[in-house]
Protein backbone atom coordinates (compact mmCIF):
# COMPACT_ATOMS: atom_id res chain seq x y z
CA MET A 1 0.00 0.00 0.00
CA ASN A 2 1.15 3.45 -0.80
CA SER A 3 -0.82 5.87 1.32
CA LYS A 4 -0.34 9.58 1.85
CA TYR A 5 -1.51 9.14 5.45
CA LEU A 6 -0.76 6.79 8.33
CA CYS A 7 -4.15 5.15 7.71
CA PRO A 8 -4.84 3.80 4.20
CA TRP A 9 -8.58 3.85 4.93
CA ILE A 10 -8.36 7.63 4.50
CA GLY A 11 -9.08 8.28 0.85
CA GLN A 12 -10.62 4.79 0.52
CA GLN A 13 -7.34 3.18 -0.55
CA TYR A 14 -7.84 -0.07 1.30
CA PHE A 15 -10.43 -2.75 2.08
CA GLY A 16 -10.36 -5.82 4.30
CA VAL A 17 -12.15 -8.89 2.93
CA SER A 18 -13.14 -11.79 5.16
CA LEU A 19 -12.35 -14.95 3.23
CA GLY A 20 -14.79 -16.89 5.40
CA ASN A 21 -17.99 -15.01 4.57
CA HIS A 22 -16.80 -12.59 1.83
CA ASP A 23 -17.81 -9.52 3.85
CA VAL A 24 -15.90 -6.32 3.09
CA TYR A 25 -14.72 -3.94 5.81
CA PRO A 26 -12.74 -0.71 5.58
CA CYS A 27 -10.02 -2.41 7.66
CA PHE A 28 -9.30 -5.85 9.09
CA ARG A 29 -9.33 -4.38 12.60
CA LEU A 30 -13.07 -3.85 12.30
CA LEU A 31 -14.15 -7.43 11.50
CA SER A 32 -15.79 -7.80 14.91
CA PHE A 33 -18.01 -4.75 14.33
CA PRO A 34 -20.94 -5.85 12.11
CA GLU A 35 -22.06 -2.23 11.69
CA MET A 36 -18.79 -1.53 9.88
CA ARG A 37 -19.49 -4.08 7.13
CA ILE A 38 -19.38 -1.99 3.96
CA GLY A 39 -20.04 -4.59 1.34
CA LYS A 40 -19.80 -8.14 0.14
CA VAL A 41 -17.72 -9.83 -2.54
CA ASN A 42 -20.03 -11.68 -4.91
CA ILE A 43 -18.42 -14.04 -7.39
CA ASP A 44 -20.66 -14.63 -10.38
CA ALA A 45 -20.83 -17.74 -12.57
CA ARG A 46 -18.06 -16.41 -14.86
CA GLY A 47 -15.72 -15.92 -11.90
CA GLN A 48 -16.01 -12.15 -11.93
CA VAL A 49 -15.68 -10.46 -8.56
CA LYS A 50 -18.25 -7.77 -7.89
CA LEU A 51 -18.10 -5.53 -4.86
CA ASP A 52 -21.33 -4.26 -3.40
CA ILE A 53 -19.99 -1.42 -1.32
CA ASN A 54 -21.74 1.16 0.82
CA LYS A 55 -18.76 2.85 2.44
CA PRO A 56 -18.53 5.54 5.08
CA ASP A 57 -17.07 8.76 3.72
CA LEU A 58 -13.45 9.04 4.78
CA MET A 59 -12.34 11.10 1.84
CA GLU A 60 -9.85 13.77 2.86
CA LYS A 61 -12.04 16.88 2.72
CA GLU A 62 -15.01 15.34 4.54
CA LEU A 63 -12.81 13.73 7.20
CA SER A 64 -10.89 16.96 7.76
CA GLN A 65 -14.12 18.85 8.41
CA ARG A 66 -15.70 16.21 10.64
CA LEU A 67 -12.81 15.06 12.85
CA ARG A 68 -13.41 15.86 16.50
CA GLY A 69 -11.37 16.05 19.66
CA GLU A 70 -7.59 16.12 19.72
CA CYS A 71 -7.45 15.46 15.97
CA SER A 72 -9.74 18.28 14.84
CA GLU A 73 -8.31 20.92 12.54
CA SER A 74 -8.60 23.59 15.23
CA ASP A 75 -6.85 21.50 17.91
CA CYS A 76 -4.01 19.77 16.07
CA GLN A 77 -0.98 21.27 14.35
CA TYR A 78 -0.47 17.95 12.51
CA HIS A 79 -4.04 17.73 11.20
CA ARG A 80 -3.14 18.04 7.50
CA LEU A 81 -0.37 15.45 7.84
CA CYS A 82 -2.30 12.56 9.38
CA LEU A 83 -6.03 13.37 9.47
CA GLY A 84 -6.58 11.57 12.74
CA GLY A 85 -4.21 8.64 12.33
CA CYS A 86 -5.57 5.10 12.38
CA ARG A 87 -9.29 5.52 11.93
CA SER A 88 -10.00 1.94 13.00
CA MET A 89 -8.22 2.36 16.32
CA ALA A 90 -9.97 5.69 16.95
CA TYR A 91 -13.30 4.03 16.09
CA VAL A 92 -12.73 1.11 18.48
CA LEU A 93 -11.65 3.35 21.37
CA ALA A 94 -14.53 5.79 20.86
CA LYS A 95 -17.00 2.91 20.60
CA ARG A 96 -15.78 1.51 23.92
CA GLN A 97 -16.35 4.92 25.50
CA GLY A 98 -19.94 5.07 24.22
CA ASP A 99 -19.37 7.69 21.51
CA ASN A 100 -22.48 8.07 19.32
CA ASN A 101 -20.45 8.93 16.22
CA PRO A 102 -17.15 7.05 16.63
CA LEU A 103 -16.16 7.27 12.96
CA TYR A 104 -14.96 10.87 13.35
CA ALA A 105 -13.55 10.64 16.87
CA GLY A 106 -10.06 11.89 17.64
CA GLN A 107 -7.30 9.59 18.83
CA ASP A 108 -6.45 9.15 22.49
CA ILE A 109 -2.74 9.58 21.68
CA CYS A 110 -1.05 11.47 18.85
CA LEU A 111 1.42 9.24 17.04
CA THR A 112 2.30 11.99 14.57
CA ARG A 113 3.38 14.26 17.43
CA ILE A 114 5.43 11.45 18.97
CA LEU A 115 7.15 10.68 15.65
CA ASP A 116 7.86 14.39 15.12
CA GLU A 117 9.37 14.72 18.61
CA LEU A 118 11.52 11.60 18.08
CA SER A 119 12.71 12.97 14.75
CA ASN A 120 13.63 16.32 16.37
CA LEU A 121 15.43 14.49 19.17
CA ARG A 122 17.50 12.49 16.65
CA LEU A 123 18.40 15.67 14.76
CA ALA A 124 19.48 17.36 17.99
CA GLU A 125 21.62 14.33 18.92
CA ARG A 126 23.36 14.39 15.51
CA LYS A 127 24.12 18.09 15.85
CA GLY A 128 25.12 17.79 19.47
């Protein structure tokens, strides 16, 4: 996968397909959440694969506008770089906390900030 963001679900660049029941999810991490099923792979008599997909909108512009919490555009200096990081992990954590709209929840920890701080630390060590 070649994704502009940490999460390839952003921009709809990735799908997870259950080989057992042919259900399609935006990510393998969401297989245990039936409400996140976004389609089904149907193989017709000629062997053609057809995807019946009804996917949540995680295109960049929509996601940027709808992200909440620590990852919102107004609260995060890294917003344009990561757009909320791993959307599946944010979804799972928000769901556990009873969030009514977990798809656009912010992360509980900012990996982009951590990676930036580690990078700055390495640069300082090289100079030092």
